[in-house]
Amino acid sequence: MNNNEQSGSASTVLQNTNIQVALKFLRDNGTLVALVILALFFTFADEAFFTPRNLTNLARQTTIVGIIAVGMTMVILINGIDLSVGSIVGLAAITVTLLMQAGVYMWLAVALTILISG
């Protein structure tokens, strides 16, 4: 084997290692990479996407789901998996909405919803 063959195989090994590192990064951080790609796409597709008003709106819309996700993470970590949380959130949302549409004062509707949903 001469020097050219050795350097060729070394560069192939280096390329394979780089590919493996990139694949491991994508496997570990695929969701984050997809989120960044989507954010870049929508930033260029619509000029109003990456504005403070829209980012605030996105943050407000995801806050409730984020709070529930943190709570569920704690429940799962202590091996107390409870799949009824989503149903209870749905029940609470519908209950408070119906009570407020019926003319019940907002804070009373919230208190009744807390009592009903347990």
N, C-alpha and C. Protein backbone atom coordinates (compact mmCIF):
# COMPACT_ATOMS: atom_id res chain seq x y z
N MET A 1 0.85 -1.17 0.00
CA MET A 1 0.00 0.00 0.00
C MET A 1 0.90 1.23 0.00
N ASN A 2 0.65 2.16 -0.88
CA ASN A 2 1.48 3.36 -0.92
C ASN A 2 0.80 4.49 -0.15
N ASN A 3 1.47 5.63 -0.14
CA ASN A 3 0.96 6.77 0.65
C ASN A 3 -0.38 7.28 0.16
N ASN A 4 -0.59 7.27 -1.17
CA ASN A 4 -1.86 7.78 -1.71
C ASN A 4 -3.03 6.92 -1.25
N GLU A 5 -2.85 5.60 -1.24
CA GLU A 5 -3.93 4.71 -0.80
C GLU A 5 -4.22 4.90 0.68
N GLN A 6 -3.14 5.09 1.46
CA GLN A 6 -3.34 5.29 2.90
C GLN A 6 -4.06 6.60 3.18
N SER A 7 -3.67 7.67 2.49
CA SER A 7 -4.32 8.95 2.72
C SER A 7 -5.76 8.92 2.22
N GLY A 8 -6.02 8.15 1.15
CA GLY A 8 -7.38 8.00 0.64
C GLY A 8 -8.26 7.30 1.64
N SER A 9 -7.76 6.23 2.25
CA SER A 9 -8.57 5.51 3.23
C SER A 9 -8.74 6.34 4.50
N ALA A 10 -7.74 7.14 4.85
CA ALA A 10 -7.86 8.00 6.02
C ALA A 10 -8.93 9.07 5.80
N SER A 11 -8.97 9.63 4.59
CA SER A 11 -9.99 10.65 4.32
C SER A 11 -11.38 10.03 4.27
N THR A 12 -11.49 8.77 3.80
CA THR A 12 -12.77 8.08 3.79
C THR A 12 -13.26 7.84 5.22
N VAL A 13 -12.34 7.43 6.09
CA VAL A 13 -12.69 7.22 7.50
C VAL A 13 -13.12 8.54 8.13
N LEU A 14 -12.40 9.63 7.79
CA LEU A 14 -12.74 10.94 8.33
C LEU A 14 -14.12 11.38 7.83
N GLN A 15 -14.43 11.14 6.56
CA GLN A 15 -15.74 11.49 6.02
C GLN A 15 -16.84 10.67 6.70
N ASN A 16 -16.58 9.36 6.88
CA ASN A 16 -17.56 8.51 7.56
C ASN A 16 -17.79 8.98 8.99
N THR A 17 -16.71 9.40 9.67
CA THR A 17 -16.84 9.89 11.04
C THR A 17 -17.66 11.18 11.06
N ASN A 18 -17.40 12.08 10.11
CA ASN A 18 -18.18 13.32 10.04
C ASN A 18 -19.65 13.04 9.78
N ILE A 19 -19.93 12.10 8.90
CA ILE A 19 -21.31 11.73 8.61
C ILE A 19 -21.97 11.14 9.85
N GLN A 20 -21.23 10.29 10.56
CA GLN A 20 -21.78 9.68 11.77
C GLN A 20 -22.07 10.74 12.84
N VAL A 21 -21.16 11.71 12.96
CA VAL A 21 -21.37 12.79 13.94
C VAL A 21 -22.60 13.61 13.55
N ALA A 22 -22.75 13.92 12.25
CA ALA A 22 -23.90 14.69 11.79
C ALA A 22 -25.20 13.91 12.02
N LEU A 23 -25.18 12.61 11.73
CA LEU A 23 -26.38 11.80 11.94
C LEU A 23 -26.73 11.70 13.42
N LYS A 24 -25.73 11.58 14.28
CA LYS A 24 -25.98 11.53 15.72
C LYS A 24 -26.57 12.86 16.20
N PHE A 25 -26.03 13.97 15.67
CA PHE A 25 -26.56 15.28 16.04
C PHE A 25 -28.02 15.40 15.63
N LEU A 26 -28.34 14.97 14.40
CA LEU A 26 -29.73 15.03 13.93
C LEU A 26 -30.64 14.13 14.74
N ARG A 27 -30.13 12.95 15.12
CA ARG A 27 -30.94 12.02 15.91
C ARG A 27 -31.22 12.61 17.29
N ASP A 28 -30.21 13.26 17.88
CA ASP A 28 -30.37 13.82 19.22
C ASP A 28 -31.15 15.14 19.22
N ASN A 29 -31.01 15.92 18.16
CA ASN A 29 -31.59 17.27 18.13
C ASN A 29 -32.50 17.49 16.93
N GLY A 30 -33.10 16.44 16.43
CA GLY A 30 -33.92 16.54 15.22
C GLY A 30 -35.09 17.49 15.35
N THR A 31 -35.74 17.49 16.50
CA THR A 31 -36.89 18.36 16.71
C THR A 31 -36.47 19.83 16.68
N LEU A 32 -35.35 20.13 17.32
CA LEU A 32 -34.86 21.50 17.33
C LEU A 32 -34.45 21.95 15.93
N VAL A 33 -33.79 21.07 15.18
CA VAL A 33 -33.39 21.39 13.80
C VAL A 33 -34.64 21.65 12.95
N ALA A 34 -35.65 20.81 13.09
CA ALA A 34 -36.89 21.00 12.33
C ALA A 34 -37.55 22.32 12.71
N LEU A 35 -37.54 22.67 13.99
CA LEU A 35 -38.14 23.93 14.43
C LEU A 35 -37.41 25.13 13.82
N VAL A 36 -36.08 25.07 13.80
CA VAL A 36 -35.29 26.16 13.21
C VAL A 36 -35.57 26.27 11.72
N ILE A 37 -35.63 25.13 11.02
CA ILE A 37 -35.91 25.14 9.58
C ILE A 37 -37.30 25.73 9.32
N LEU A 38 -38.29 25.33 10.11
CA LEU A 38 -39.64 25.89 9.94
C LEU A 38 -39.68 27.39 10.22
N ALA A 39 -38.98 27.82 11.26
CA ALA A 39 -38.94 29.25 11.58
C ALA A 39 -38.30 30.04 10.44
N LEU A 40 -37.19 29.52 9.90
CA LEU A 40 -36.55 30.20 8.77
C LEU A 40 -37.46 30.23 7.55
N PHE A 41 -38.12 29.12 7.27
CA PHE A 41 -39.02 29.06 6.12
C PHE A 41 -40.13 30.10 6.24
N PHE A 42 -40.80 30.13 7.39
CA PHE A 42 -41.91 31.06 7.55
C PHE A 42 -41.45 32.51 7.66
N THR A 43 -40.22 32.73 8.12
CA THR A 43 -39.68 34.08 8.15
C THR A 43 -39.54 34.64 6.74
N PHE A 44 -39.05 33.80 5.82
CA PHE A 44 -38.90 34.25 4.44
C PHE A 44 -40.22 34.20 3.67
N ALA A 45 -41.12 33.30 4.04
CA ALA A 45 -42.39 33.17 3.32
C ALA A 45 -43.37 34.29 3.66
N ASP A 46 -43.32 34.79 4.89
CA ASP A 46 -44.26 35.84 5.30
C ASP A 46 -43.50 36.86 6.14
N GLU A 47 -43.50 38.08 5.69
CA GLU A 47 -42.73 39.12 6.38
C GLU A 47 -43.27 39.45 7.77
N ALA A 48 -44.51 39.08 8.06
CA ALA A 48 -45.10 39.37 9.36
C ALA A 48 -44.83 38.26 10.38
N PHE A 49 -44.16 37.18 9.97
CA PHE A 49 -43.98 36.05 10.89
C PHE A 49 -43.05 36.39 12.04
N PHE A 50 -41.89 36.95 11.74
CA PHE A 50 -40.87 37.16 12.77
C PHE A 50 -40.96 38.58 13.32
N THR A 51 -42.16 38.97 13.71
CA THR A 51 -42.36 40.29 14.31
C THR A 51 -42.66 40.09 15.80
N PRO A 52 -42.37 41.09 16.61
CA PRO A 52 -42.64 40.95 18.05
C PRO A 52 -44.09 40.60 18.36
N ARG A 53 -45.01 41.19 17.61
CA ARG A 53 -46.44 40.93 17.88
C ARG A 53 -46.78 39.46 17.62
N ASN A 54 -46.29 38.91 16.51
CA ASN A 54 -46.59 37.52 16.19
C ASN A 54 -45.89 36.56 17.15
N LEU A 55 -44.65 36.87 17.52
CA LEU A 55 -43.94 36.01 18.47
C LEU A 55 -44.63 36.02 19.84
N THR A 56 -45.14 37.18 20.24
CA THR A 56 -45.90 37.26 21.49
C THR A 56 -47.17 36.42 21.40
N ASN A 57 -47.83 36.49 20.27
CA ASN A 57 -49.04 35.69 20.06
C ASN A 57 -48.72 34.20 20.12
N LEU A 58 -47.64 33.78 19.48
CA LEU A 58 -47.24 32.37 19.53
C LEU A 58 -46.93 31.93 20.96
N ALA A 59 -46.25 32.80 21.71
CA ALA A 59 -45.92 32.47 23.10
C ALA A 59 -47.18 32.33 23.94
N ARG A 60 -48.14 33.21 23.74
CA ARG A 60 -49.39 33.13 24.50
C ARG A 60 -50.16 31.85 24.18
N GLN A 61 -50.16 31.46 22.91
CA GLN A 61 -50.92 30.28 22.51
C GLN A 61 -50.28 28.99 23.02
N THR A 62 -48.98 28.98 23.20
CA THR A 62 -48.32 27.75 23.63
C THR A 62 -48.09 27.68 25.14
N THR A 63 -48.41 28.73 25.87
CA THR A 63 -48.16 28.75 27.31
C THR A 63 -48.94 27.68 28.05
N ILE A 64 -50.21 27.53 27.77
CA ILE A 64 -51.03 26.56 28.49
C ILE A 64 -50.52 25.15 28.25
N VAL A 65 -50.25 24.83 26.99
CA VAL A 65 -49.74 23.50 26.67
C VAL A 65 -48.38 23.28 27.33
N GLY A 66 -47.55 24.31 27.37
CA GLY A 66 -46.24 24.20 28.02
C GLY A 66 -46.34 23.94 29.51
N ILE A 67 -47.24 24.63 30.18
CA ILE A 67 -47.43 24.42 31.62
C ILE A 67 -47.92 23.00 31.89
N ILE A 68 -48.87 22.54 31.09
CA ILE A 68 -49.37 21.17 31.26
C ILE A 68 -48.26 20.16 30.98
N ALA A 69 -47.43 20.44 29.97
CA ALA A 69 -46.34 19.52 29.64
C ALA A 69 -45.32 19.43 30.77
N VAL A 70 -45.03 20.55 31.41
CA VAL A 70 -44.10 20.51 32.55
C VAL A 70 -44.69 19.69 33.69
N GLY A 71 -45.97 19.91 33.97
CA GLY A 71 -46.63 19.12 35.02
C GLY A 71 -46.65 17.64 34.70
N MET A 72 -46.95 17.30 33.45
CA MET A 72 -46.98 15.89 33.04
C MET A 72 -45.59 15.27 33.08
N THR A 73 -44.57 16.06 32.78
CA THR A 73 -43.20 15.55 32.87
C THR A 73 -42.88 15.14 34.29
N MET A 74 -43.29 15.96 35.25
CA MET A 74 -43.07 15.61 36.66
C MET A 74 -43.82 14.33 37.03
N VAL A 75 -45.05 14.21 36.56
CA VAL A 75 -45.85 13.02 36.86
C VAL A 75 -45.19 11.78 36.25
N ILE A 76 -44.73 11.88 35.02
CA ILE A 76 -44.10 10.74 34.36
C ILE A 76 -42.80 10.37 35.05
N LEU A 77 -42.04 11.37 35.51
CA LEU A 77 -40.76 11.09 36.17
C LEU A 77 -40.93 10.32 37.47
N ILE A 78 -42.06 10.49 38.15
CA ILE A 78 -42.28 9.75 39.40
C ILE A 78 -43.10 8.49 39.16
N ASN A 79 -43.19 8.08 37.89
CA ASN A 79 -43.89 6.85 37.49
C ASN A 79 -45.37 6.87 37.86
N GLY A 80 -45.98 8.01 37.80
CA GLY A 80 -47.40 8.11 38.08
C GLY A 80 -48.14 8.56 36.83
N ILE A 81 -47.96 7.85 35.74
CA ILE A 81 -48.53 8.26 34.46
C ILE A 81 -50.05 8.36 34.57
N ASP A 82 -50.56 9.52 34.21
CA ASP A 82 -51.99 9.78 34.29
C ASP A 82 -52.45 10.34 32.95
N LEU A 83 -53.19 9.55 32.20
CA LEU A 83 -53.61 9.96 30.87
C LEU A 83 -54.88 10.79 30.87
N SER A 84 -55.47 11.02 32.03
CA SER A 84 -56.74 11.75 32.07
C SER A 84 -56.56 13.26 32.09
N VAL A 85 -55.33 13.74 32.13
CA VAL A 85 -55.09 15.18 32.23
C VAL A 85 -55.68 15.92 31.04
N GLY A 86 -55.48 15.40 29.84
CA GLY A 86 -56.03 16.05 28.65
C GLY A 86 -57.54 16.13 28.68
N SER A 87 -58.17 15.07 29.15
CA SER A 87 -59.64 15.07 29.25
C SER A 87 -60.12 16.09 30.27
N ILE A 88 -59.42 16.20 31.37
CA ILE A 88 -59.82 17.16 32.41
C ILE A 88 -59.65 18.59 31.92
N VAL A 89 -58.56 18.85 31.18
CA VAL A 89 -58.36 20.19 30.62
C VAL A 89 -59.48 20.52 29.65
N GLY A 90 -59.85 19.57 28.81
CA GLY A 90 -60.97 19.79 27.89
C GLY A 90 -62.28 20.05 28.61
N LEU A 91 -62.55 19.26 29.64
CA LEU A 91 -63.76 19.46 30.45
C LEU A 91 -63.77 20.84 31.09
N ALA A 92 -62.62 21.24 31.63
CA ALA A 92 -62.55 22.55 32.29
C ALA A 92 -62.76 23.68 31.28
N ALA A 93 -62.17 23.57 30.11
CA ALA A 93 -62.33 24.62 29.10
C ALA A 93 -63.78 24.75 28.65
N ILE A 94 -64.42 23.62 28.42
CA ILE A 94 -65.82 23.65 27.98
C ILE A 94 -66.72 24.17 29.10
N THR A 95 -66.46 23.73 30.33
CA THR A 95 -67.29 24.15 31.46
C THR A 95 -67.22 25.65 31.69
N VAL A 96 -66.01 26.20 31.74
CA VAL A 96 -65.88 27.64 32.00
C VAL A 96 -66.48 28.44 30.85
N THR A 97 -66.33 27.95 29.63
CA THR A 97 -66.91 28.66 28.48
C THR A 97 -68.43 28.67 28.54
N LEU A 98 -69.02 27.51 28.83
CA LEU A 98 -70.49 27.44 28.90
C LEU A 98 -71.04 28.28 30.04
N LEU A 99 -70.36 28.26 31.18
CA LEU A 99 -70.82 29.06 32.31
C LEU A 99 -70.75 30.55 32.00
N MET A 100 -69.67 30.99 31.37
CA MET A 100 -69.54 32.41 31.05
C MET A 100 -70.54 32.83 29.97
N GLN A 101 -70.82 31.94 29.01
CA GLN A 101 -71.83 32.26 28.00
C GLN A 101 -73.23 32.33 28.60
N ALA A 102 -73.44 31.59 29.69
CA ALA A 102 -74.75 31.62 30.36
C ALA A 102 -74.90 32.84 31.25
N GLY A 103 -73.87 33.69 31.32
CA GLY A 103 -73.98 34.92 32.08
C GLY A 103 -73.41 34.85 33.48
N VAL A 104 -72.75 33.77 33.84
CA VAL A 104 -72.15 33.65 35.17
C VAL A 104 -70.91 34.55 35.22
N TYR A 105 -70.74 35.25 36.33
CA TYR A 105 -69.58 36.10 36.54
C TYR A 105 -68.30 35.28 36.35
N MET A 106 -67.28 35.90 35.72
CA MET A 106 -66.08 35.17 35.32
C MET A 106 -65.41 34.42 36.48
N TRP A 107 -65.18 35.09 37.60
CA TRP A 107 -64.47 34.44 38.69
C TRP A 107 -65.30 33.32 39.33
N LEU A 108 -66.60 33.49 39.35
CA LEU A 108 -67.47 32.43 39.84
C LEU A 108 -67.42 31.23 38.89
N ALA A 109 -67.39 31.51 37.58
CA ALA A 109 -67.29 30.44 36.59
C ALA A 109 -65.98 29.67 36.75
N VAL A 110 -64.90 30.40 37.01
CA VAL A 110 -63.60 29.74 37.22
C VAL A 110 -63.64 28.89 38.48
N ALA A 111 -64.20 29.42 39.57
CA ALA A 111 -64.29 28.65 40.82
C ALA A 111 -65.14 27.40 40.65
N LEU A 112 -66.28 27.53 39.97
CA LEU A 112 -67.13 26.36 39.73
C LEU A 112 -66.43 25.34 38.85
N THR A 113 -65.68 25.81 37.87
CA THR A 113 -64.94 24.90 36.99
C THR A 113 -63.89 24.13 37.77
N ILE A 114 -63.21 24.81 38.69
CA ILE A 114 -62.21 24.12 39.52
C ILE A 114 -62.88 23.06 40.38
N LEU A 115 -64.04 23.36 40.93
CA LEU A 115 -64.77 22.38 41.73
C LEU A 115 -65.24 21.20 40.88
N ILE A 116 -65.73 21.48 39.68
CA ILE A 116 -66.25 20.41 38.82
C ILE A 116 -65.13 19.51 38.31
N SER A 117 -64.02 20.12 37.89
CA SER A 117 -62.96 19.32 37.28
C SER A 117 -62.05 18.66 38.31
N GLY A 118 -62.23 18.97 39.54
CA GLY A 118 -61.55 18.25 40.60
C GLY A 118 -60.20 18.77 40.91
